[in-house]
N, C-alpha and C. Protein backbone atom coordinates (compact mmCIF):
# COMPACT_ATOMS: atom_id res chain seq x y z
N UNK A 1 90.28 103.48 110.22
CA UNK A 1 90.25 103.05 108.84
C UNK A 1 91.02 103.86 107.64
N UNK A 2 90.89 105.15 107.77
CA UNK A 2 92.13 105.59 106.88
C UNK A 2 93.43 105.65 107.15
N UNK A 3 93.17 105.99 108.77
CA UNK A 3 95.03 105.35 109.39
C UNK A 3 95.43 104.15 108.84
N UNK A 4 95.06 103.62 109.43
CA UNK A 4 94.89 101.65 109.19
C UNK A 4 95.87 101.73 107.37
N UNK A 5 95.11 102.56 106.64
CA UNK A 5 95.42 102.30 105.17
C UNK A 5 96.83 103.26 104.87
N UNK A 6 97.24 104.26 105.47
CA UNK A 6 98.12 104.26 105.11
C UNK A 6 99.11 104.13 105.56
N UNK A 7 98.97 103.55 106.85
CA UNK A 7 99.97 102.49 107.83
C UNK A 7 100.81 101.89 107.27
N UNK A 8 99.61 100.95 106.73
CA UNK A 8 99.88 99.39 105.51
C UNK A 8 100.61 100.23 104.11
N UNK A 9 100.26 101.06 103.97
CA UNK A 9 101.01 101.54 102.47
C UNK A 9 101.99 102.11 102.95
N UNK A 10 102.59 103.06 103.83
CA UNK A 10 103.53 103.52 104.26
C UNK A 10 104.60 102.03 104.62
N UNK A 11 103.87 101.32 105.27
CA UNK A 11 104.68 99.85 106.00
C UNK A 11 105.59 99.42 103.99
N UNK A 12 104.49 99.12 103.40
CA UNK A 12 104.60 98.24 102.13
C UNK A 12 105.62 99.36 100.98
N UNK A 13 105.91 100.59 101.28
CA UNK A 13 106.85 101.29 100.56
C UNK A 13 108.01 101.06 101.41
N UNK A 14 107.99 101.36 102.65
CA UNK A 14 109.26 100.81 103.13
C UNK A 14 109.95 99.43 103.11
N UNK A 15 108.64 98.41 102.83
CA UNK A 15 109.30 97.00 102.74
C UNK A 15 110.19 97.12 101.32
N UNK A 16 109.10 97.42 100.39
CA UNK A 16 109.92 97.38 98.53
C UNK A 16 111.10 98.11 99.06
N UNK A 17 111.81 99.40 99.41
CA UNK A 17 113.19 100.16 99.91
C UNK A 17 113.73 99.44 99.61
N UNK A 18 113.18 98.77 100.89
CA UNK A 18 114.10 97.64 101.91
C UNK A 18 114.84 96.39 100.39
N UNK A 19 113.79 95.96 99.54
CA UNK A 19 113.95 95.43 98.74
C UNK A 19 114.75 95.47 97.46
N UNK A 20 114.62 96.92 97.32
CA UNK A 20 115.20 97.05 96.43
C UNK A 20 117.10 97.72 96.93
N UNK A 21 117.24 98.15 97.64
CA UNK A 21 118.92 98.05 98.26
C UNK A 21 119.18 96.60 98.80
N UNK A 22 118.24 95.65 98.93
CA UNK A 22 118.94 94.03 98.76
C UNK A 22 119.17 93.42 97.41
N UNK A 23 118.29 93.38 96.97
CA UNK A 23 118.17 92.84 95.47
C UNK A 23 118.93 93.96 94.80
N UNK A 24 119.64 94.63 95.01
CA UNK A 24 120.33 95.20 93.90
C UNK A 24 121.81 95.03 94.43
N UNK A 25 122.02 93.96 95.49
CA UNK A 25 123.33 93.38 96.11
C UNK A 25 124.87 94.16 96.09
N UNK A 26 125.09 93.13 94.91
CA UNK A 26 126.70 93.23 95.06
C UNK A 26 127.01 95.03 94.12
N UNK A 27 127.99 95.42 94.66
CA UNK A 27 128.63 96.73 94.07
C UNK A 27 128.42 96.94 92.30
N UNK A 28 129.14 95.33 91.96
CA UNK A 28 129.68 95.29 90.46
C UNK A 28 129.01 95.33 89.33
N UNK A 29 127.29 95.04 89.88
CA UNK A 29 126.30 95.42 88.84
C UNK A 29 126.08 96.38 88.40
N UNK A 30 125.72 97.27 86.85
CA UNK A 30 125.43 98.14 87.14
C UNK A 30 124.02 99.17 87.22
N UNK A 31 124.03 100.35 86.64
CA UNK A 31 122.29 100.70 86.82
C UNK A 31 121.34 99.90 85.76
N UNK A 32 122.05 99.73 84.56
CA UNK A 32 121.78 99.07 83.33
C UNK A 32 121.02 97.17 83.75
N UNK A 33 121.80 96.75 84.11
CA UNK A 33 121.48 95.31 85.14
C UNK A 33 120.17 95.58 86.34
N UNK A 34 120.14 96.26 86.83
CA UNK A 34 119.84 96.66 88.13
C UNK A 34 118.58 97.01 87.14
N UNK A 35 118.53 97.62 86.57
CA UNK A 35 117.17 98.15 85.92
C UNK A 35 116.35 96.72 85.19
N UNK A 36 117.00 95.75 84.64
CA UNK A 36 116.85 94.96 84.03
C UNK A 36 116.18 93.99 85.74
N UNK A 37 116.74 93.57 86.21
CA UNK A 37 116.28 92.71 87.47
C UNK A 37 114.90 93.41 87.64
N UNK A 38 114.72 94.41 88.10
CA UNK A 38 114.19 95.17 88.08
C UNK A 38 112.40 95.02 87.23
N UNK A 39 113.12 94.90 86.14
CA UNK A 39 112.17 95.06 85.01
C UNK A 39 111.71 92.95 85.27
N UNK A 40 112.11 92.20 85.41
CA UNK A 40 112.15 90.52 85.64
C UNK A 40 111.33 90.74 86.67
N UNK A 41 111.40 91.09 87.74
CA UNK A 41 111.14 91.02 89.63
C UNK A 41 109.46 91.60 89.05
N UNK A 42 108.38 92.89 88.22
CA UNK A 42 108.07 93.20 87.82
C UNK A 42 107.18 92.61 87.00
N UNK A 43 107.94 91.71 86.22
CA UNK A 43 106.80 90.90 85.02
C UNK A 43 106.29 89.66 85.32
N UNK A 44 107.54 88.96 86.20
CA UNK A 44 106.46 87.77 87.01
C UNK A 44 105.95 87.87 87.66
N UNK A 45 104.53 87.12 87.20
CA UNK A 45 103.13 87.23 88.29
C UNK A 45 102.72 86.12 88.85
N UNK A 46 102.70 86.17 90.36
CA UNK A 46 101.81 84.90 90.61
C UNK A 46 100.80 84.92 90.43
N UNK A 47 100.25 83.91 90.05
CA UNK A 47 99.53 82.97 88.69
C UNK A 47 97.77 83.60 89.57
N UNK A 48 97.94 83.13 91.35
CA UNK A 48 96.83 83.04 92.28
C UNK A 48 96.62 84.71 92.43
N UNK A 49 97.60 85.24 92.63
CA UNK A 49 97.45 86.38 93.35
C UNK A 49 97.33 87.53 92.36
N UNK A 50 98.07 87.50 91.31
CA UNK A 50 98.50 88.46 90.22
C UNK A 50 99.01 89.41 90.51
N UNK A 51 99.70 89.52 91.99
CA UNK A 51 101.44 90.57 92.24
C UNK A 51 102.18 89.63 92.30
N UNK A 52 103.87 90.69 91.75
CA UNK A 52 104.73 90.68 90.84
C UNK A 52 105.48 89.82 92.11
N UNK A 53 106.33 89.32 91.46
CA UNK A 53 107.61 89.01 92.71
C UNK A 53 107.76 89.98 93.56
N UNK A 54 107.99 91.74 92.79
CA UNK A 54 108.84 92.39 92.82
C UNK A 54 108.14 92.81 94.47
N UNK A 55 107.38 92.49 93.86
CA UNK A 55 106.11 92.97 95.26
C UNK A 55 105.88 91.53 96.60
N UNK A 56 106.18 90.67 96.15
CA UNK A 56 105.78 89.54 96.96
C UNK A 56 106.95 89.22 97.67
N UNK A 57 108.04 90.06 97.35
CA UNK A 57 109.71 89.68 98.05
C UNK A 57 109.83 88.17 97.86
N UNK A 58 109.59 87.26 97.21
CA UNK A 58 109.52 86.71 97.08
C UNK A 58 111.42 86.32 96.73
N UNK A 59 112.20 86.73 95.79
CA UNK A 59 113.99 87.30 95.53
C UNK A 59 113.77 88.15 96.18
N UNK A 60 114.62 87.59 97.49
CA UNK A 60 115.23 88.09 98.24
C UNK A 60 116.77 89.13 98.18
N UNK A 61 117.55 88.68 97.28
CA UNK A 61 119.19 89.05 96.85
C UNK A 61 119.38 88.66 95.19
N UNK A 62 119.82 88.99 94.75
CA UNK A 62 120.61 89.01 93.79
C UNK A 62 122.72 89.94 93.75
N UNK A 63 122.85 88.33 93.56
CA UNK A 63 124.16 88.51 93.72
C UNK A 63 124.87 88.62 92.03
N UNK A 64 126.07 89.93 91.42
CA UNK A 64 126.50 88.84 90.39
C UNK A 64 127.95 89.18 90.66
N UNK A 65 128.46 87.32 89.64
CA UNK A 65 129.96 87.58 90.30
C UNK A 65 130.42 87.96 88.22
N UNK A 66 131.26 88.93 88.20
CA UNK A 66 131.86 88.86 87.34
C UNK A 66 132.87 88.22 86.17
N UNK A 67 133.54 87.45 87.46
CA UNK A 67 134.66 87.07 86.89
C UNK A 67 133.69 85.05 86.58
N UNK A 68 133.16 85.06 87.22
CA UNK A 68 132.55 83.64 86.40
C UNK A 68 130.96 83.73 85.90
N UNK A 69 130.87 85.18 85.53
CA UNK A 69 129.89 84.88 84.91
C UNK A 69 128.40 84.76 85.49
N UNK A 70 128.36 84.66 86.66
CA UNK A 70 127.72 84.05 87.16
C UNK A 70 126.88 85.16 87.64
N UNK A 71 125.25 84.55 87.86
CA UNK A 71 123.78 85.59 88.53
C UNK A 71 123.48 84.84 90.00
N UNK A 72 123.82 85.05 90.78
CA UNK A 72 122.76 84.25 91.58
C UNK A 72 121.63 84.56 92.50
N UNK A 73 120.85 84.19 92.31
CA UNK A 73 119.29 84.79 92.57
C UNK A 73 118.30 84.25 94.03
N UNK A 74 118.40 85.08 94.88
CA UNK A 74 118.29 84.47 96.29
C UNK A 74 116.52 84.20 96.63
N UNK A 75 116.22 83.00 97.00
CA UNK A 75 114.77 83.33 96.66
C UNK A 75 114.40 82.70 98.50
N UNK A 76 113.25 82.94 98.66
CA UNK A 76 112.75 82.84 100.10
C UNK A 76 110.88 82.32 99.62
N UNK A 77 110.71 81.24 99.13
CA UNK A 77 109.38 80.61 99.18
C UNK A 77 108.60 80.39 100.57
N UNK A 78 109.62 80.14 101.95
CA UNK A 78 108.70 79.63 102.83
C UNK A 78 108.35 80.56 103.49
N UNK A 79 108.19 81.46 103.66
CA UNK A 79 107.06 82.46 104.30
C UNK A 79 105.66 82.81 103.55
N UNK A 80 105.79 81.60 102.67
CA UNK A 80 104.60 81.91 101.78
C UNK A 80 103.63 80.56 101.65
N UNK A 81 104.40 79.47 102.50
CA UNK A 81 103.63 78.43 101.71
C UNK A 81 102.56 78.46 103.37
N UNK A 82 101.95 77.51 102.76
CA UNK A 82 100.58 77.53 103.68
C UNK A 82 100.63 76.23 104.83
N UNK A 83 100.04 75.77 105.94
CA UNK A 83 99.98 75.14 106.77
C UNK A 83 99.22 73.83 106.40
N UNK A 84 98.39 74.44 105.64
CA UNK A 84 97.31 72.98 105.03
C UNK A 84 98.17 71.75 104.60
N UNK A 85 98.45 70.50 104.66
CA UNK A 85 99.68 69.54 103.20
C UNK A 85 99.11 70.00 101.90
N UNK A 86 97.11 69.36 101.55
CA UNK A 86 96.96 69.40 100.67
C UNK A 86 97.31 70.71 99.52
N UNK A 87 97.45 71.70 100.19
CA UNK A 87 97.77 73.48 100.10
C UNK A 87 99.09 73.93 99.83
N UNK A 88 99.64 72.66 100.64
CA UNK A 88 101.49 73.05 100.25
C UNK A 88 101.42 71.76 98.85
N UNK A 89 100.95 71.13 98.64
CA UNK A 89 101.27 70.70 97.21
C UNK A 89 100.90 71.50 95.96
N UNK A 90 99.38 72.19 96.59
CA UNK A 90 99.31 73.27 95.13
C UNK A 90 100.69 74.55 95.68
N UNK A 91 100.95 75.02 96.65
CA UNK A 91 101.91 75.59 96.30
C UNK A 91 102.84 75.42 96.04
N UNK A 92 103.32 73.83 96.24
CA UNK A 92 104.67 73.87 94.90
C UNK A 92 105.25 73.53 93.90
N UNK A 93 103.26 73.39 93.41
CA UNK A 93 103.04 73.43 91.98
C UNK A 93 104.02 75.24 91.67
N UNK A 94 103.06 75.81 92.16
CA UNK A 94 102.98 77.39 92.06
C UNK A 94 104.21 77.77 92.39
N UNK A 95 105.15 77.50 92.43
CA UNK A 95 106.54 77.89 93.32
C UNK A 95 107.35 77.14 92.21
N UNK A 96 106.88 76.03 91.67
CA UNK A 96 107.82 75.36 90.35
C UNK A 96 107.73 76.31 89.09
N UNK A 97 106.85 76.58 89.47
CA UNK A 97 105.95 77.29 87.51
C UNK A 97 106.40 78.27 87.97
N UNK A 98 106.73 79.14 88.96
CA UNK A 98 107.28 80.82 89.25
C UNK A 98 108.72 80.03 88.95
N UNK A 99 109.13 80.09 89.41
CA UNK A 99 110.35 79.83 89.39
C UNK A 99 110.98 78.96 87.52
N UNK A 100 110.57 78.79 87.02
CA UNK A 100 110.74 78.18 85.96
C UNK A 100 110.71 79.61 84.82
N UNK A 101 109.41 80.06 85.32
CA UNK A 101 109.52 81.50 84.71
C UNK A 101 110.47 82.58 85.00
N UNK A 102 110.90 82.76 86.11
CA UNK A 102 111.73 83.41 86.41
C UNK A 102 113.40 82.88 86.07
N UNK A 103 113.62 81.42 85.70
CA UNK A 103 114.74 81.04 85.63
C UNK A 103 115.00 82.03 83.59
N UNK A 104 113.40 81.24 83.32
CA UNK A 104 113.67 81.61 81.41
C UNK A 104 113.60 83.18 81.36
N UNK A 105 113.57 83.96 82.28
CA UNK A 105 112.98 85.27 81.85
C UNK A 105 114.79 85.83 82.90
N UNK A 106 115.32 85.19 83.28
CA UNK A 106 116.99 86.19 83.92
C UNK A 106 117.64 85.82 82.41
N UNK A 107 117.57 84.49 81.90
CA UNK A 107 117.98 84.08 81.38
C UNK A 107 117.89 84.78 79.93
N UNK A 108 116.72 84.84 79.73
CA UNK A 108 116.54 86.27 78.07
C UNK A 108 116.57 87.48 78.74
N UNK A 109 117.54 88.06 79.92
CA UNK A 109 117.24 89.18 80.25
C UNK A 109 119.42 89.24 80.14
N UNK A 110 119.83 88.05 80.97
CA UNK A 110 121.50 87.98 80.56
C UNK A 110 121.43 86.03 79.66
N UNK A 111 121.91 86.41 78.35
CA UNK A 111 122.07 85.07 77.75
C UNK A 111 123.40 85.14 78.06
N UNK A 112 125.03 86.06 78.48
CA UNK A 112 125.80 85.43 78.74
C UNK A 112 126.09 84.92 80.04
N UNK A 113 125.28 85.03 80.94
CA UNK A 113 125.60 84.89 82.13
C UNK A 113 124.79 83.24 82.49
N UNK A 114 125.36 82.42 83.28
CA UNK A 114 124.89 81.13 84.18
C UNK A 114 123.84 81.48 85.52
N UNK A 115 123.02 81.11 85.23
CA UNK A 115 121.95 81.75 86.25
C UNK A 115 121.49 80.77 87.40
N UNK A 116 121.77 80.88 88.85
CA UNK A 116 121.88 80.46 89.65
C UNK A 116 120.94 80.64 91.06
N UNK A 117 120.12 79.65 90.66
CA UNK A 117 119.31 80.06 92.46
C UNK A 117 119.60 79.25 93.49
N UNK A 118 119.49 79.91 94.97
CA UNK A 118 120.37 80.41 96.13
C UNK A 118 118.86 80.07 97.21
């Protein structure tokens, strides 16, 4: 049993490192901007599980376009959707709330940028 726990912990660590690499995205993001993004994803929590967006992997990538002053936030909620239609309705409401919270947090951290969800 302990071996299974170690394997799961190892896999979660690999997934998190992969997420960090993908989330940092564009090369023109500086270290401060990357830290702000990581902080946002750690702050915003799923109300059901209490897990952060960083841990859930819902935000898959963030890109920054300096010329247009836009930040593109790529999300993937599909892998978290339940099969049950009733549950999907509840999940949609939670997803909507999370998107609104993410947008507010990104706008608070980056007030001079336009935040675009993709």
